[in-house]
PDB file of N, CA and C in Angstrom:
ATOM      1  N   MET A   1      88.757  94.991 102.464  1.00  0.00           N
ATOM      2  CA  MET A   1      89.864  94.852 103.382  1.00  0.00           C
ATOM      3  C   MET A   1      91.005  95.812 103.043  1.00  0.00           C
ATOM      4  N   ASN A   2      91.289  96.001 101.768  1.00  0.00           N
ATOM      5  CA  ASN A   2      92.406  96.852 101.371  1.00  0.00           C
ATOM      6  C   ASN A   2      91.950  98.213 100.873  1.00  0.00           C
ATOM      7  N   SER A   3      90.852  98.702 101.349  1.00  0.00           N
ATOM      8  CA  SER A   3      90.324  99.980 100.909  1.00  0.00           C
ATOM      9  C   SER A   3      91.076 101.131 101.564  1.00  0.00           C
ATOM     10  N   ASN A   4      91.319 102.183 100.786  1.00  0.00           N
ATOM     11  CA  ASN A   4      91.898 103.394 101.353  1.00  0.00           C
ATOM     12  C   ASN A   4      90.889 104.540 101.296  1.00  0.00           C
ATOM     13  N   GLU A   5      89.623 104.189 101.259  1.00  0.00           N
ATOM     14  CA  GLU A   5      88.551 105.169 101.218  1.00  0.00           C
ATOM     15  C   GLU A   5      88.636 106.102 102.428  1.00  0.00           C
ATOM     16  N   GLY A   6      88.577 107.408 102.164  1.00  0.00           N
ATOM     17  CA  GLY A   6      88.627 108.389 103.236  1.00  0.00           C
ATOM     18  C   GLY A   6      90.031 108.729 103.715  1.00  0.00           C
ATOM     19  N   TRP A   7      91.019 108.100 103.131  1.00  0.00           N
ATOM     20  CA  TRP A   7      92.401 108.360 103.530  1.00  0.00           C
ATOM     21  C   TRP A   7      93.057 109.203 102.464  1.00  0.00           C
ATOM     22  N   GLU A   8      93.655 110.313 102.869  1.00  0.00           N
ATOM     23  CA  GLU A   8      94.327 111.190 101.918  1.00  0.00           C
ATOM     24  C   GLU A   8      95.804 111.244 102.236  1.00  0.00           C
ATOM     25  N   HIS A   9      96.596 111.171 101.202  1.00  0.00           N
ATOM     26  CA  HIS A   9      98.047 111.201 101.336  1.00  0.00           C
ATOM     27  C   HIS A   9      98.539 112.558 100.860  1.00  0.00           C
ATOM     28  N   PRO A  10      99.337 113.264 101.672  1.00  0.00           N
ATOM     29  CA  PRO A  10      99.852 114.556 101.229  1.00  0.00           C
ATOM     30  C   PRO A  10     100.783 114.383 100.033  1.00  0.00           C
ATOM     31  N   ASN A  11     100.936 115.441  99.252  1.00  0.00           N
ATOM     32  CA  ASN A  11     101.856 115.400  98.119  1.00  0.00           C
ATOM     33  C   ASN A  11     103.253 115.058  98.596  1.00  0.00           C
ATOM     34  N   GLY A  12     103.953 114.320  97.802  1.00  0.00           N
ATOM     35  CA  GLY A  12     105.316 113.926  98.150  1.00  0.00           C
ATOM     36  C   GLY A  12     105.565 112.507  97.721  1.00  0.00           C
ATOM     37  N   SER A  13     106.490 111.893  98.364  1.00  0.00           N
ATOM     38  CA  SER A  13     106.895 110.537  98.020  1.00  0.00           C
ATOM     39  C   SER A  13     105.822 109.521  98.405  1.00  0.00           C
ATOM     40  N   ASN A  14     105.682 108.507  97.585  1.00  0.00           N
ATOM     41  CA  ASN A  14     104.781 107.401  97.900  1.00  0.00           C
ATOM     42  C   ASN A  14     105.518 106.253  98.581  1.00  0.00           C
ATOM     43  N   LEU A  15     106.791 106.456  98.870  1.00  0.00           N
ATOM     44  CA  LEU A  15     107.569 105.420  99.540  1.00  0.00           C
ATOM     45  C   LEU A  15     107.113 105.288 100.979  1.00  0.00           C
ATOM     46  N   VAL A  16     107.093 104.064 101.448  1.00  0.00           N
ATOM     47  CA  VAL A  16     106.667 103.791 102.816  1.00  0.00           C
ATOM     48  C   VAL A  16     107.698 102.884 103.460  1.00  0.00           C
ATOM     49  N   GLY A  17     108.013 103.146 104.706  1.00  0.00           N
ATOM     50  CA  GLY A  17     108.896 102.265 105.449  1.00  0.00           C
ATOM     51  C   GLY A  17     108.674 102.444 106.939  1.00  0.00           C
ATOM     52  N   TRP A  18     108.761 101.355 107.671  1.00  0.00           N
ATOM     53  CA  TRP A  18     108.658 101.430 109.126  1.00  0.00           C
ATOM     54  C   TRP A  18     109.377 100.252 109.750  1.00  0.00           C
ATOM     55  N   THR A  19     109.667 100.414 111.033  1.00  0.00           N
ATOM     56  CA  THR A  19     110.276  99.336 111.808  1.00  0.00           C
ATOM     57  C   THR A  19     109.529  99.202 113.125  1.00  0.00           C
ATOM     58  N   LYS A  20     109.552  98.004 113.681  1.00  0.00           N
ATOM     59  CA  LYS A  20     108.971  97.783 115.001  1.00  0.00           C
ATOM     60  C   LYS A  20     109.533  96.488 115.555  1.00  0.00           C
ATOM     61  N   SER A  21     109.314  96.282 116.821  1.00  0.00           N
ATOM     62  CA  SER A  21     109.698  95.033 117.472  1.00  0.00           C
ATOM     63  C   SER A  21     108.436  94.340 117.952  1.00  0.00           C
ATOM     64  N   TYR A  22     108.423  93.021 117.836  1.00  0.00           N
ATOM     65  CA  TYR A  22     107.309  92.227 118.328  1.00  0.00           C
ATOM     66  C   TYR A  22     107.887  91.001 119.012  1.00  0.00           C
ATOM     67  N   LYS A  23     107.610  90.900 120.295  1.00  0.00           N
ATOM     68  CA  LYS A  23     108.160  89.835 121.127  1.00  0.00           C
ATOM     69  C   LYS A  23     109.680  89.829 120.993  1.00  0.00           C
ATOM     70  N   LYS A  24     110.269  88.769 120.463  1.00  0.00           N
ATOM     71  CA  LYS A  24     111.728  88.695 120.355  1.00  0.00           C
ATOM     72  C   LYS A  24     112.211  88.893 118.922  1.00  0.00           C
ATOM     73  N   SER A  25     111.427  89.601 118.113  1.00  0.00           N
ATOM     74  CA  SER A  25     111.787  89.783 116.708  1.00  0.00           C
ATOM     75  C   SER A  25     111.694  91.237 116.287  1.00  0.00           C
ATOM     76  N   ALA A  26     112.628  91.640 115.456  1.00  0.00           N
ATOM     77  CA  ALA A  26     112.588  92.959 114.832  1.00  0.00           C
ATOM     78  C   ALA A  26     111.915  92.809 113.470  1.00  0.00           C
ATOM     79  N   ILE A  27     111.143  93.813 113.098  1.00  0.00           N
ATOM     80  CA  ILE A  27     110.403  93.770 111.841  1.00  0.00           C
ATOM     81  C   ILE A  27     110.637  95.077 111.100  1.00  0.00           C
ATOM     82  N   THR A  28     110.846  94.987 109.809  1.00  0.00           N
ATOM     83  CA  THR A  28     110.926  96.181 108.977  1.00  0.00           C
ATOM     84  C   THR A  28     110.033  95.974 107.757  1.00  0.00           C
ATOM     85  N   TYR A  29     109.436  97.062 107.306  1.00  0.00           N
ATOM     86  CA  TYR A  29     108.557  97.015 106.135  1.00  0.00           C
ATOM     87  C   TYR A  29     109.001  98.106 105.186  1.00  0.00           C
ATOM     88  N   LEU A  30     109.223  97.751 103.941  1.00  0.00           N
ATOM     89  CA  LEU A  30     109.602  98.714 102.914  1.00  0.00           C
ATOM     90  C   LEU A  30     108.682  98.549 101.718  1.00  0.00           C
ATOM     91  N   GLN A  31     108.162  99.654 101.232  1.00  0.00           N
ATOM     92  CA  GLN A  31     107.332  99.627 100.028  1.00  0.00           C
ATOM     93  C   GLN A  31     107.897 100.663  99.072  1.00  0.00           C
ATOM     94  N   PHE A  32     108.629 100.211  98.084  1.00  0.00           N
ATOM     95  CA  PHE A  32     109.238 101.154  97.145  1.00  0.00           C
ATOM     96  C   PHE A  32     109.004 100.763  95.700  1.00  0.00           C
ATOM     97  N   GLY A  33     108.057  99.930  95.443  1.00  0.00           N
ATOM     98  CA  GLY A  33     107.729  99.540  94.075  1.00  0.00           C
ATOM     99  C   GLY A  33     107.872  98.051  93.890  1.00  0.00           C
ATOM    100  N   ASP A  34     107.368  97.580  92.764  1.00  0.00           N
ATOM    101  CA  ASP A  34     107.408  96.141  92.529  1.00  0.00           C
ATOM    102  C   ASP A  34     108.000  95.775  91.178  1.00  0.00           C
ATOM    103  N   GLY A  35     108.601  96.726  90.539  1.00  0.00           N
ATOM    104  CA  GLY A  35     109.162  96.453  89.224  1.00  0.00           C
ATOM    105  C   GLY A  35     110.676  96.381  89.249  1.00  0.00           C
ATOM    106  N   VAL A  36     111.216  95.918  88.151  1.00  0.00           N
ATOM    107  CA  VAL A  36     112.666  95.794  88.011  1.00  0.00           C
ATOM    108  C   VAL A  36     113.344  97.142  88.228  1.00  0.00           C
ATOM    109  N   LYS A  37     112.715  98.195  87.760  1.00  0.00           N
ATOM    110  CA  LYS A  37     113.315  99.531  87.864  1.00  0.00           C
ATOM    111  C   LYS A  37     113.605  99.905  89.322  1.00  0.00           C
ATOM    112  N   SER A  38     112.722  99.530  90.225  1.00  0.00           N
ATOM    113  CA  SER A  38     112.945  99.825  91.647  1.00  0.00           C
ATOM    114  C   SER A  38     114.219  99.165  92.141  1.00  0.00           C
ATOM    115  N   TYR A  39     114.393  97.892  91.809  1.00  0.00           N
ATOM    116  CA  TYR A  39     115.534  97.133  92.321  1.00  0.00           C
ATOM    117  C   TYR A  39     116.832  97.443  91.582  1.00  0.00           C
ATOM    118  N   GLU A  40     116.741  98.099  90.436  1.00  0.00           N
ATOM    119  CA  GLU A  40     117.944  98.550  89.741  1.00  0.00           C
ATOM    120  C   GLU A  40     118.543  99.773  90.424  1.00  0.00           C
ATOM    121  N   ASN A  41     117.757 100.466  91.221  1.00  0.00           N
ATOM    122  CA  ASN A  41     118.216 101.672  91.905  1.00  0.00           C
ATOM    123  C   ASN A  41     119.160 101.284  93.043  1.00  0.00           C
ATOM    124  N   LYS A  42     120.393 101.784  92.987  1.00  0.00           N
ATOM    125  CA  LYS A  42     121.392 101.407  94.001  1.00  0.00           C
ATOM    126  C   LYS A  42     120.973 101.838  95.401  1.00  0.00           C
ATOM    127  N   ASN A  43     120.227 102.923  95.524  1.00  0.00           N
ATOM    128  CA  ASN A  43     119.784 103.382  96.842  1.00  0.00           C
ATOM    129  C   ASN A  43     118.736 102.443  97.438  1.00  0.00           C
ATOM    130  N   VAL A  44     117.879 101.903  96.606  1.00  0.00           N
ATOM    131  CA  VAL A  44     116.888 100.928  97.073  1.00  0.00           C
ATOM    132  C   VAL A  44     117.598  99.669  97.549  1.00  0.00           C
ATOM    133  N   ARG A  45     118.577  99.207  96.781  1.00  0.00           N
ATOM    134  CA  ARG A  45     119.329  98.012  97.184  1.00  0.00           C
ATOM    135  C   ARG A  45     120.092  98.254  98.480  1.00  0.00           C
ATOM    136  N   MET A  46     120.665  99.455  98.637  1.00  0.00           N
ATOM    137  CA  MET A  46     121.389  99.778  99.864  1.00  0.00           C
ATOM    138  C   MET A  46     120.425  99.801 101.058  1.00  0.00           C
ATOM    139  N   LEU A  47     119.251 100.393 100.899  1.00  0.00           N
ATOM    140  CA  LEU A  47     118.257 100.436 101.971  1.00  0.00           C
ATOM    141  C   LEU A  47     117.795  99.027 102.335  1.00  0.00           C
ATOM    142  N   LEU A  48     117.592  98.193 101.348  1.00  0.00           N
ATOM    143  CA  LEU A  48     117.186  96.813 101.594  1.00  0.00           C
ATOM    144  C   LEU A  48     118.268  96.062 102.373  1.00  0.00           C
ATOM    145  N   LYS A  49     119.510  96.214 101.964  1.00  0.00           N
ATOM    146  CA  LYS A  49     120.626  95.560 102.659  1.00  0.00           C
ATOM    147  C   LYS A  49     120.732  96.045 104.103  1.00  0.00           C
ATOM    148  N   ARG A  50     120.659  97.350 104.300  1.00  0.00           N
ATOM    149  CA  ARG A  50     120.753  97.902 105.658  1.00  0.00           C
ATOM    150  C   ARG A  50     119.577  97.458 106.522  1.00  0.00           C
ATOM    151  N   SER A  51     118.410  97.354 105.921  1.00  0.00           N
ATOM    152  CA  SER A  51     117.230  96.909 106.670  1.00  0.00           C
ATOM    153  C   SER A  51     117.380  95.463 107.121  1.00  0.00           C
ATOM    154  N   ILE A  52     117.891  94.621 106.244  1.00  0.00           N
ATOM    155  CA  ILE A  52     118.122  93.220 106.612  1.00  0.00           C
ATOM    156  C   ILE A  52     119.140  93.140 107.737  1.00  0.00           C
ATOM    157  N   ASN A  53     120.227  93.897 107.625  1.00  0.00           N
ATOM    158  CA  ASN A  53     121.245  93.910 108.683  1.00  0.00           C
ATOM    159  C   ASN A  53     120.663  94.396 110.005  1.00  0.00           C
ATOM    160  N   TRP A  54     119.815  95.427 109.959  1.00  0.00           N
ATOM    161  CA  TRP A  54     119.196  95.948 111.178  1.00  0.00           C
ATOM    162  C   TRP A  54     118.329  94.872 111.830  1.00  0.00           C
ATOM    163  N   VAL A  55     117.520  94.182 111.028  1.00  0.00           N
ATOM    164  CA  VAL A  55     116.648  93.138 111.579  1.00  0.00           C
ATOM    165  C   VAL A  55     117.472  92.057 112.266  1.00  0.00           C
ATOM    166  N   VAL A  56     118.547  91.623 111.631  1.00  0.00           N
ATOM    167  CA  VAL A  56     119.395  90.576 112.212  1.00  0.00           C
ATOM    168  C   VAL A  56     119.981  91.033 113.542  1.00  0.00           C
ATOM    169  N   GLU A  57     120.593  92.211 113.563  1.00  0.00           N
ATOM    170  CA  GLU A  57     121.250  92.702 114.780  1.00  0.00           C
ATOM    171  C   GLU A  57     120.242  93.034 115.875  1.00  0.00           C
ATOM    172  N   GLU A  58     119.150  93.668 115.517  1.00  0.00           N
ATOM    173  CA  GLU A  58     118.128  94.046 116.505  1.00  0.00           C
ATOM    174  C   GLU A  58     117.490  92.801 117.121  1.00  0.00           C
ATOM    175  N   THR A  59     117.246  91.787 116.314  1.00  0.00           N
ATOM    176  CA  THR A  59     116.669  90.546 116.827  1.00  0.00           C
ATOM    177  C   THR A  59     117.628  89.870 117.796  1.00  0.00           C
ATOM    178  N   LYS A  60     118.916  89.890 117.492  1.00  0.00           N
ATOM    179  CA  LYS A  60     119.914  89.338 118.423  1.00  0.00           C
ATOM    180  C   LYS A  60     119.831  90.056 119.764  1.00  0.00           C
ATOM    181  N   GLU A  61     119.755  91.383 119.729  1.00  0.00           N
ATOM    182  CA  GLU A  61     119.678  92.178 120.964  1.00  0.00           C
ATOM    183  C   GLU A  61     118.390  91.888 121.729  1.00  0.00           C
ATOM    184  N   LEU A  62     117.276  91.830 121.027  1.00  0.00           N
ATOM    185  CA  LEU A  62     115.993  91.559 121.686  1.00  0.00           C
ATOM    186  C   LEU A  62     116.009  90.204 122.377  1.00  0.00           C
ATOM    187  N   LYS A  63     116.575  89.210 121.732  1.00  0.00           N
ATOM    188  CA  LYS A  63     116.631  87.876 122.330  1.00  0.00           C
ATOM    189  C   LYS A  63     117.563  87.858 123.527  1.00  0.00           C
ATOM    190  N   LYS A  64     118.668  88.611 123.436  1.00  0.00           N
ATOM    191  CA  LYS A  64     119.620  88.673 124.542  1.00  0.00           C
ATOM    192  C   LYS A  64     118.991  89.361 125.750  1.00  0.00           C
ATOM    193  N   VAL A  65     118.352  90.498 125.542  1.00  0.00           N
ATOM    194  CA  VAL A  65     117.744  91.271 126.628  1.00  0.00           C
ATOM    195  C   VAL A  65     116.595  90.496 127.262  1.00  0.00           C
ATOM    196  N   LYS A  66     115.760  89.888 126.470  1.00  0.00           N
ATOM    197  CA  LYS A  66     114.581  89.196 127.001  1.00  0.00           C
ATOM    198  C   LYS A  66     114.931  87.855 127.633  1.00  0.00           C
ATOM    199  N   ASN A  67     116.132  87.357 127.386  1.00  0.00           N
ATOM    200  CA  ASN A  67     116.556  86.107 128.020  1.00  0.00           C
ATOM    201  C   ASN A  67     117.302  86.359 129.326  1.00  0.00           C
ATOM    202  N   ASP A  68     117.678  87.608 129.583  1.00  0.00           N
ATOM    203  CA  ASP A  68     118.401  87.949 130.829  1.00  0.00           C
ATOM    204  C   ASP A  68     117.472  87.960 132.020  1.00  0.00           C
TER     205      ASP A  68
END
């Protein structure tokens, strides 16, 4: 199920992030590591905070638009 066989990633950052909307909800996905060192990075914490804020505000908008 979690195989990456046949998939090649170009050289560069291994960080992954995306956003999307599904029905009346905003979704964001961030993959920047799983250790303490990742969360000690102020830029990672800032991105996490901004992502949470985006989800909250975007979800409010989606619910407002879809209820009109």
